[in-house]
Amino acid sequence: MAEKSLVIACGALANEIFAIKSMNDWDHFDVQCLDAKLHNHPSLITPKLKEIINSKGTDYKQILIGYADCGSSGAIDALINSDTRLERLAGPHCFSFFLGETNFDRLSEQTPGTFWLTDFLVRHFDSMVIKNLGLDRHPELRDVYFSNYTNLIYLSQRHEESLIKAAEMCAKRLELSFQHIHTGFGAFEQALMIKEIAKS
């Protein structure tokens, strides 16, 4: 069995994972990322995870699933429970584990009707939001999709002025008020740190 752990993560977290590895000079885990567009089809996430576990995970004693529930309706948890080597990030989605579940729940209660963005979603806003929802072809659909939204909160992992400005533009395009909260890497870095401690 390999001494390293395996991290199988959403492609939306790839930049964060490799940034964490570089900043901490960690080499105690290998990384396999799945296509971020799987979020558009949550039922396909767990089968893809199984494929990677079966093809690449047999040599690892520990495997961290870099997903929250992510709309899988418990399917990822069922997979976790089937193999003692597996664990996933806590929470329903990446917004909650970047911000922390308690803070996310509090903010959600204080600001209902919030549309959330991360660094990845800001960088890929046109493809993941505008084009995926057809707003590039039918901008009038904005009122259909976002009629119950009032504000946009950008949770930043890297504090970059260019991304903050881009996130503000995202809010303007959706006609939502804007708020920025810098979270850093949140619970994801802590989870990878635990892997490092466990290995040592």
C-alpha atoms as a PDB file:
ATOM      1  CA  MET A   1       0.000   0.000   0.000  1.00  0.00           C
ATOM      2  CA  ALA A   2       1.259   3.503  -0.857  1.00  0.00           C
ATOM      3  CA  GLU A   3       2.321   5.722   2.035  1.00  0.00           C
ATOM      4  CA  LYS A   4       0.623   8.636   0.318  1.00  0.00           C
ATOM      5  CA  SER A   5      -3.088   9.333   0.528  1.00  0.00           C
ATOM      6  CA  LEU A   6      -5.230   9.879  -2.537  1.00  0.00           C
ATOM      7  CA  VAL A   7      -7.413  12.964  -2.944  1.00  0.00           C
ATOM      8  CA  ILE A   8     -10.231  12.633  -5.473  1.00  0.00           C
ATOM      9  CA  ALA A   9     -11.714  16.072  -5.864  1.00  0.00           C
ATOM     10  CA  CYS A  10     -14.016  18.244  -7.893  1.00  0.00           C
ATOM     11  CA  GLY A  11     -12.180  20.076 -10.664  1.00  0.00           C
ATOM     12  CA  ALA A  12     -13.511  23.312  -9.170  1.00  0.00           C
ATOM     13  CA  LEU A  13     -11.054  22.750  -6.298  1.00  0.00           C
ATOM     14  CA  ALA A  14      -7.996  21.915  -8.399  1.00  0.00           C
ATOM     15  CA  ASN A  15      -6.354  25.349  -8.084  1.00  0.00           C
ATOM     16  CA  GLU A  16      -6.919  25.361  -4.336  1.00  0.00           C
ATOM     17  CA  ILE A  17      -5.529  21.846  -3.825  1.00  0.00           C
ATOM     18  CA  PHE A  18      -2.320  22.516  -5.724  1.00  0.00           C
ATOM     19  CA  ALA A  19      -1.927  25.925  -4.068  1.00  0.00           C
ATOM     20  CA  ILE A  20      -2.214  24.286  -0.635  1.00  0.00           C
ATOM     21  CA  LYS A  21       0.335  21.628  -1.623  1.00  0.00           C
ATOM     22  CA  SER A  22       2.755  24.273  -2.843  1.00  0.00           C
ATOM     23  CA  MET A  23       2.365  26.647   0.120  1.00  0.00           C
ATOM     24  CA  ASN A  24       2.935  23.882   2.663  1.00  0.00           C
ATOM     25  CA  ASP A  25       5.506  21.937   0.629  1.00  0.00           C
ATOM     26  CA  TRP A  26       3.355  18.828   1.080  1.00  0.00           C
ATOM     27  CA  ASP A  27       3.900  15.633  -0.882  1.00  0.00           C
ATOM     28  CA  HIS A  28       1.906  13.246   1.281  1.00  0.00           C
ATOM     29  CA  PHE A  29      -1.030  12.953  -1.117  1.00  0.00           C
ATOM     30  CA  ASP A  30      -1.681  12.368  -4.797  1.00  0.00           C
ATOM     31  CA  VAL A  31      -4.500  14.180  -6.573  1.00  0.00           C
ATOM     32  CA  GLN A  32      -7.089  13.135  -9.136  1.00  0.00           C
ATOM     33  CA  CYS A  33      -9.671  15.750 -10.150  1.00  0.00           C
ATOM     34  CA  LEU A  34     -12.984  15.124 -11.861  1.00  0.00           C
ATOM     35  CA  ASP A  35     -14.647  17.471 -14.337  1.00  0.00           C
ATOM     36  CA  ALA A  36     -16.271  20.399 -12.512  1.00  0.00           C
ATOM     37  CA  LYS A  37     -19.198  20.210 -14.931  1.00  0.00           C
ATOM     38  CA  LEU A  38     -20.379  17.105 -13.093  1.00  0.00           C
ATOM     39  CA  HIS A  39     -22.076  19.570 -10.748  1.00  0.00           C
ATOM     40  CA  ASN A  40     -24.618  20.057 -13.507  1.00  0.00           C
ATOM     41  CA  HIS A  41     -25.413  16.332 -13.204  1.00  0.00           C
ATOM     42  CA  PRO A  42     -24.983  15.402  -9.503  1.00  0.00           C
ATOM     43  CA  SER A  43     -26.220  11.856 -10.046  1.00  0.00           C
ATOM     44  CA  LEU A  44     -23.072  11.171 -12.096  1.00  0.00           C
ATOM     45  CA  ILE A  45     -20.600  12.216  -9.384  1.00  0.00           C
ATOM     46  CA  THR A  46     -20.709   9.024  -7.342  1.00  0.00           C
ATOM     47  CA  PRO A  47     -20.302   6.663 -10.347  1.00  0.00           C
ATOM     48  CA  LYS A  48     -17.271   8.694 -11.457  1.00  0.00           C
ATOM     49  CA  LEU A  49     -15.818   8.513  -7.957  1.00  0.00           C
ATOM     50  CA  LYS A  50     -16.280   4.728  -7.986  1.00  0.00           C
ATOM     51  CA  GLU A  51     -14.420   4.531 -11.299  1.00  0.00           C
ATOM     52  CA  ILE A  52     -11.400   6.347  -9.881  1.00  0.00           C
ATOM     53  CA  ILE A  53     -11.441   4.385  -6.626  1.00  0.00           C
ATOM     54  CA  ASN A  54     -11.536   1.102  -8.548  1.00  0.00           C
ATOM     55  CA  SER A  55      -8.859   2.089 -11.053  1.00  0.00           C
ATOM     56  CA  LYS A  56      -6.447   4.148  -8.947  1.00  0.00           C
ATOM     57  CA  GLY A  57      -7.447   3.790  -5.317  1.00  0.00           C
ATOM     58  CA  THR A  58      -6.514   0.175  -4.656  1.00  0.00           C
ATOM     59  CA  ASP A  59      -2.972   1.077  -3.557  1.00  0.00           C
ATOM     60  CA  TYR A  60      -3.966   3.714  -0.969  1.00  0.00           C
ATOM     61  CA  LYS A  61      -4.819   3.261   2.687  1.00  0.00           C
ATOM     62  CA  GLN A  62      -6.569   6.648   2.877  1.00  0.00           C
ATOM     63  CA  ILE A  63      -8.714   8.384   0.278  1.00  0.00           C
ATOM     64  CA  LEU A  64     -10.171  11.849   0.794  1.00  0.00           C
ATOM     65  CA  ILE A  65     -13.189  12.625  -1.352  1.00  0.00           C
ATOM     66  CA  GLY A  66     -12.944  16.324  -2.176  1.00  0.00           C
ATOM     67  CA  TYR A  67     -16.690  16.779  -2.407  1.00  0.00           C
ATOM     68  CA  ALA A  68     -19.356  17.750   0.046  1.00  0.00           C
ATOM     69  CA  ASP A  69     -22.769  16.162  -0.617  1.00  0.00           C
ATOM     70  CA  CYS A  70     -22.968  18.383  -3.729  1.00  0.00           C
ATOM     71  CA  GLY A  71     -26.542  17.486  -4.631  1.00  0.00           C
ATOM     72  CA  SER A  72     -25.897  13.742  -4.645  1.00  0.00           C
ATOM     73  CA  SER A  73     -28.793  13.162  -2.220  1.00  0.00           C
ATOM     74  CA  GLY A  74     -26.665  11.029   0.068  1.00  0.00           C
ATOM     75  CA  ALA A  75     -25.113   8.868  -2.666  1.00  0.00           C
ATOM     76  CA  ILE A  76     -21.589  10.075  -1.851  1.00  0.00           C
ATOM     77  CA  ASP A  77     -22.186   9.285   1.842  1.00  0.00           C
ATOM     78  CA  ALA A  78     -23.358   5.787   0.909  1.00  0.00           C
ATOM     79  CA  LEU A  79     -20.103   5.324  -1.005  1.00  0.00           C
ATOM     80  CA  ILE A  80     -18.092   6.603   1.976  1.00  0.00           C
ATOM     81  CA  ASN A  81     -19.855   4.161   4.293  1.00  0.00           C
ATOM     82  CA  SER A  82     -18.990   1.240   2.013  1.00  0.00           C
ATOM     83  CA  ASP A  83     -15.205   1.634   2.404  1.00  0.00           C
ATOM     84  CA  THR A  84     -13.357   2.467   5.633  1.00  0.00           C
ATOM     85  CA  ARG A  85     -10.562   4.171   3.675  1.00  0.00           C
ATOM     86  CA  LEU A  86     -12.890   6.897   2.455  1.00  0.00           C
ATOM     87  CA  GLU A  87     -13.959  10.196   3.983  1.00  0.00           C
ATOM     88  CA  ARG A  88     -15.446  13.312   2.481  1.00  0.00           C
ATOM     89  CA  LEU A  89     -15.542  16.993   3.289  1.00  0.00           C
ATOM     90  CA  ALA A  90     -18.254  17.935   5.749  1.00  0.00           C
ATOM     91  CA  GLY A  91     -21.275  19.927   4.660  1.00  0.00           C
ATOM     92  CA  PRO A  92     -23.758  20.122   1.794  1.00  0.00           C
ATOM     93  CA  HIS A  93     -21.497  22.008  -0.656  1.00  0.00           C
ATOM     94  CA  CYS A  94     -18.187  23.837  -1.030  1.00  0.00           C
ATOM     95  CA  PHE A  95     -19.631  27.168   0.101  1.00  0.00           C
ATOM     96  CA  SER A  96     -20.246  25.737   3.558  1.00  0.00           C
ATOM     97  CA  PHE A  97     -16.838  24.156   4.005  1.00  0.00           C
ATOM     98  CA  PHE A  98     -14.969  27.239   2.778  1.00  0.00           C
ATOM     99  CA  LEU A  99     -16.957  29.457   5.115  1.00  0.00           C
ATOM    100  CA  GLY A 100     -17.583  26.913   7.886  1.00  0.00           C
ATOM    101  CA  GLU A 101     -20.982  25.317   8.406  1.00  0.00           C
ATOM    102  CA  THR A 102     -21.911  27.483  11.406  1.00  0.00           C
ATOM    103  CA  ASN A 103     -21.031  30.724   9.635  1.00  0.00           C
ATOM    104  CA  PHE A 104     -22.712  29.575   6.438  1.00  0.00           C
ATOM    105  CA  ASP A 105     -25.942  28.717   8.255  1.00  0.00           C
ATOM    106  CA  ARG A 106     -25.874  32.055  10.085  1.00  0.00           C
ATOM    107  CA  LEU A 107     -25.310  34.062   6.909  1.00  0.00           C
ATOM    108  CA  SER A 108     -27.949  32.089   5.035  1.00  0.00           C
ATOM    109  CA  GLU A 109     -30.505  32.960   7.714  1.00  0.00           C
ATOM    110  CA  GLN A 110     -29.440  36.614   7.759  1.00  0.00           C
ATOM    111  CA  THR A 111     -29.358  36.979   3.987  1.00  0.00           C
ATOM    112  CA  PRO A 112     -31.944  34.697   2.361  1.00  0.00           C
ATOM    113  CA  GLY A 113     -31.962  34.874  -1.411  1.00  0.00           C
ATOM    114  CA  THR A 114     -28.172  34.742  -1.717  1.00  0.00           C
ATOM    115  CA  PHE A 115     -26.297  33.590  -4.800  1.00  0.00           C
ATOM    116  CA  TRP A 116     -22.842  32.309  -3.833  1.00  0.00           C
ATOM    117  CA  LEU A 117     -19.573  32.425  -5.771  1.00  0.00           C
ATOM    118  CA  THR A 118     -16.090  31.028  -5.174  1.00  0.00           C
ATOM    119  CA  ASP A 119     -12.852  31.848  -7.013  1.00  0.00           C
ATOM    120  CA  PHE A 120     -13.573  29.063  -9.495  1.00  0.00           C
ATOM    121  CA  LEU A 121     -17.093  30.289 -10.234  1.00  0.00           C
ATOM    122  CA  VAL A 122     -15.878  33.859 -10.706  1.00  0.00           C
ATOM    123  CA  ARG A 123     -13.217  32.700 -13.177  1.00  0.00           C
ATOM    124  CA  HIS A 124     -15.733  30.555 -15.069  1.00  0.00           C
ATOM    125  CA  PHE A 125     -18.832  32.686 -14.590  1.00  0.00           C
ATOM    126  CA  ASP A 126     -19.619  32.979 -18.297  1.00  0.00           C
ATOM    127  CA  SER A 127     -19.477  29.245 -18.985  1.00  0.00           C
ATOM    128  CA  MET A 128     -20.818  27.911 -15.677  1.00  0.00           C
ATOM    129  CA  VAL A 129     -23.583  30.467 -15.117  1.00  0.00           C
ATOM    130  CA  ILE A 130     -24.354  32.680 -18.119  1.00  0.00           C
ATOM    131  CA  LYS A 131     -24.020  30.096 -20.898  1.00  0.00           C
ATOM    132  CA  ASN A 132     -25.154  27.131 -18.824  1.00  0.00           C
ATOM    133  CA  LEU A 133     -28.403  28.924 -17.973  1.00  0.00           C
ATOM    134  CA  GLY A 134     -28.823  30.250 -21.506  1.00  0.00           C
ATOM    135  CA  LEU A 135     -28.609  33.888 -20.397  1.00  0.00           C
ATOM    136  CA  ASP A 136     -26.252  34.693 -23.278  1.00  0.00           C
ATOM    137  CA  ARG A 137     -29.029  33.804 -25.728  1.00  0.00           C
ATOM    138  CA  HIS A 138     -32.040  34.805 -23.636  1.00  0.00           C
ATOM    139  CA  PRO A 139     -31.094  37.524 -21.122  1.00  0.00           C
ATOM    140  CA  GLU A 140     -34.762  37.894 -20.216  1.00  0.00           C
ATOM    141  CA  LEU A 141     -34.465  34.581 -18.353  1.00  0.00           C
ATOM    142  CA  ARG A 142     -32.549  36.445 -15.663  1.00  0.00           C
ATOM    143  CA  ASP A 143     -35.891  37.426 -14.116  1.00  0.00           C
ATOM    144  CA  VAL A 144     -37.016  33.797 -14.165  1.00  0.00           C
ATOM    145  CA  TYR A 145     -33.909  32.286 -12.612  1.00  0.00           C
ATOM    146  CA  PHE A 146     -33.054  35.042 -10.159  1.00  0.00           C
ATOM    147  CA  SER A 147     -36.400  36.554  -9.184  1.00  0.00           C
ATOM    148  CA  ASN A 148     -35.996  35.257  -5.620  1.00  0.00           C
ATOM    149  CA  TYR A 149     -32.363  36.338  -5.253  1.00  0.00           C
ATOM    150  CA  THR A 150     -31.440  39.695  -3.773  1.00  0.00           C
ATOM    151  CA  ASN A 151     -27.684  39.536  -3.206  1.00  0.00           C
ATOM    152  CA  LEU A 152     -24.470  37.828  -4.268  1.00  0.00           C
ATOM    153  CA  ILE A 153     -21.778  36.806  -1.790  1.00  0.00           C
ATOM    154  CA  TYR A 154     -18.311  36.091  -3.123  1.00  0.00           C
ATOM    155  CA  LEU A 155     -16.282  33.756  -0.914  1.00  0.00           C
ATOM    156  CA  SER A 156     -12.683  34.273  -2.003  1.00  0.00           C
ATOM    157  CA  GLN A 157      -9.913  31.738  -1.501  1.00  0.00           C
ATOM    158  CA  ARG A 158      -7.212  34.042  -2.866  1.00  0.00           C
ATOM    159  CA  HIS A 159      -7.377  37.750  -2.089  1.00  0.00           C
ATOM    160  CA  GLU A 160      -6.902  39.144  -5.596  1.00  0.00           C
ATOM    161  CA  GLU A 161      -8.263  42.535  -6.607  1.00  0.00           C
ATOM    162  CA  SER A 162      -8.903  41.347 -10.167  1.00  0.00           C
ATOM    163  CA  LEU A 163     -11.161  38.550  -8.913  1.00  0.00           C
ATOM    164  CA  ILE A 164     -12.984  40.867  -6.511  1.00  0.00           C
ATOM    165  CA  LYS A 165     -13.685  43.291  -9.356  1.00  0.00           C
ATOM    166  CA  ALA A 166     -14.791  40.420 -11.592  1.00  0.00           C
ATOM    167  CA  ALA A 167     -17.145  39.182  -8.845  1.00  0.00           C
ATOM    168  CA  GLU A 168     -18.629  42.683  -8.550  1.00  0.00           C
ATOM    169  CA  MET A 169     -19.300  42.595 -12.282  1.00  0.00           C
ATOM    170  CA  CYS A 170     -21.004  39.218 -11.867  1.00  0.00           C
ATOM    171  CA  ALA A 171     -23.319  40.766  -9.295  1.00  0.00           C
ATOM    172  CA  LYS A 172     -24.100  43.687 -11.617  1.00  0.00           C
ATOM    173  CA  ARG A 173     -24.881  41.330 -14.498  1.00  0.00           C
ATOM    174  CA  LEU A 174     -27.363  39.483 -12.298  1.00  0.00           C
ATOM    175  CA  GLU A 175     -28.681  42.753 -10.811  1.00  0.00           C
ATOM    176  CA  LEU A 176     -27.829  41.662  -7.267  1.00  0.00           C
ATOM    177  CA  SER A 177     -26.210  43.509  -4.389  1.00  0.00           C
ATOM    178  CA  PHE A 178     -22.593  42.495  -3.716  1.00  0.00           C
ATOM    179  CA  GLN A 179     -20.705  41.297  -0.649  1.00  0.00           C
ATOM    180  CA  HIS A 180     -17.175  39.890  -0.421  1.00  0.00           C
ATOM    181  CA  ILE A 181     -15.904  37.581   2.337  1.00  0.00           C
ATOM    182  CA  HIS A 182     -12.355  36.253   2.261  1.00  0.00           C
ATOM    183  CA  THR A 183     -12.324  32.674   3.559  1.00  0.00           C
ATOM    184  CA  GLY A 184      -8.940  31.375   2.443  1.00  0.00           C
ATOM    185  CA  PHE A 185      -8.970  27.613   1.931  1.00  0.00           C
ATOM    186  CA  GLY A 186     -11.192  26.871   4.920  1.00  0.00           C
ATOM    187  CA  ALA A 187     -11.795  23.308   6.028  1.00  0.00           C
ATOM    188  CA  PHE A 188     -10.183  21.901   2.919  1.00  0.00           C
ATOM    189  CA  GLU A 189      -6.681  22.834   4.058  1.00  0.00           C
ATOM    190  CA  GLN A 190      -7.468  21.456   7.520  1.00  0.00           C
ATOM    191  CA  ALA A 191      -8.592  18.151   6.008  1.00  0.00           C
ATOM    192  CA  LEU A 192      -5.385  17.843   4.004  1.00  0.00           C
ATOM    193  CA  MET A 193      -3.357  18.748   7.081  1.00  0.00           C
ATOM    194  CA  ILE A 194      -5.003  15.903   9.006  1.00  0.00           C
ATOM    195  CA  LYS A 195      -3.940  13.578   6.208  1.00  0.00           C
ATOM    196  CA  GLU A 196      -0.362  14.780   6.621  1.00  0.00           C
ATOM    197  CA  ILE A 197      -0.454  14.227  10.391  1.00  0.00           C
ATOM    198  CA  ALA A 198      -2.016  10.785   9.967  1.00  0.00           C
ATOM    199  CA  LYS A 199       0.689   9.760   7.520  1.00  0.00           C
ATOM    200  CA  SER A 200       3.522  10.925   9.768  1.00  0.00           C
END
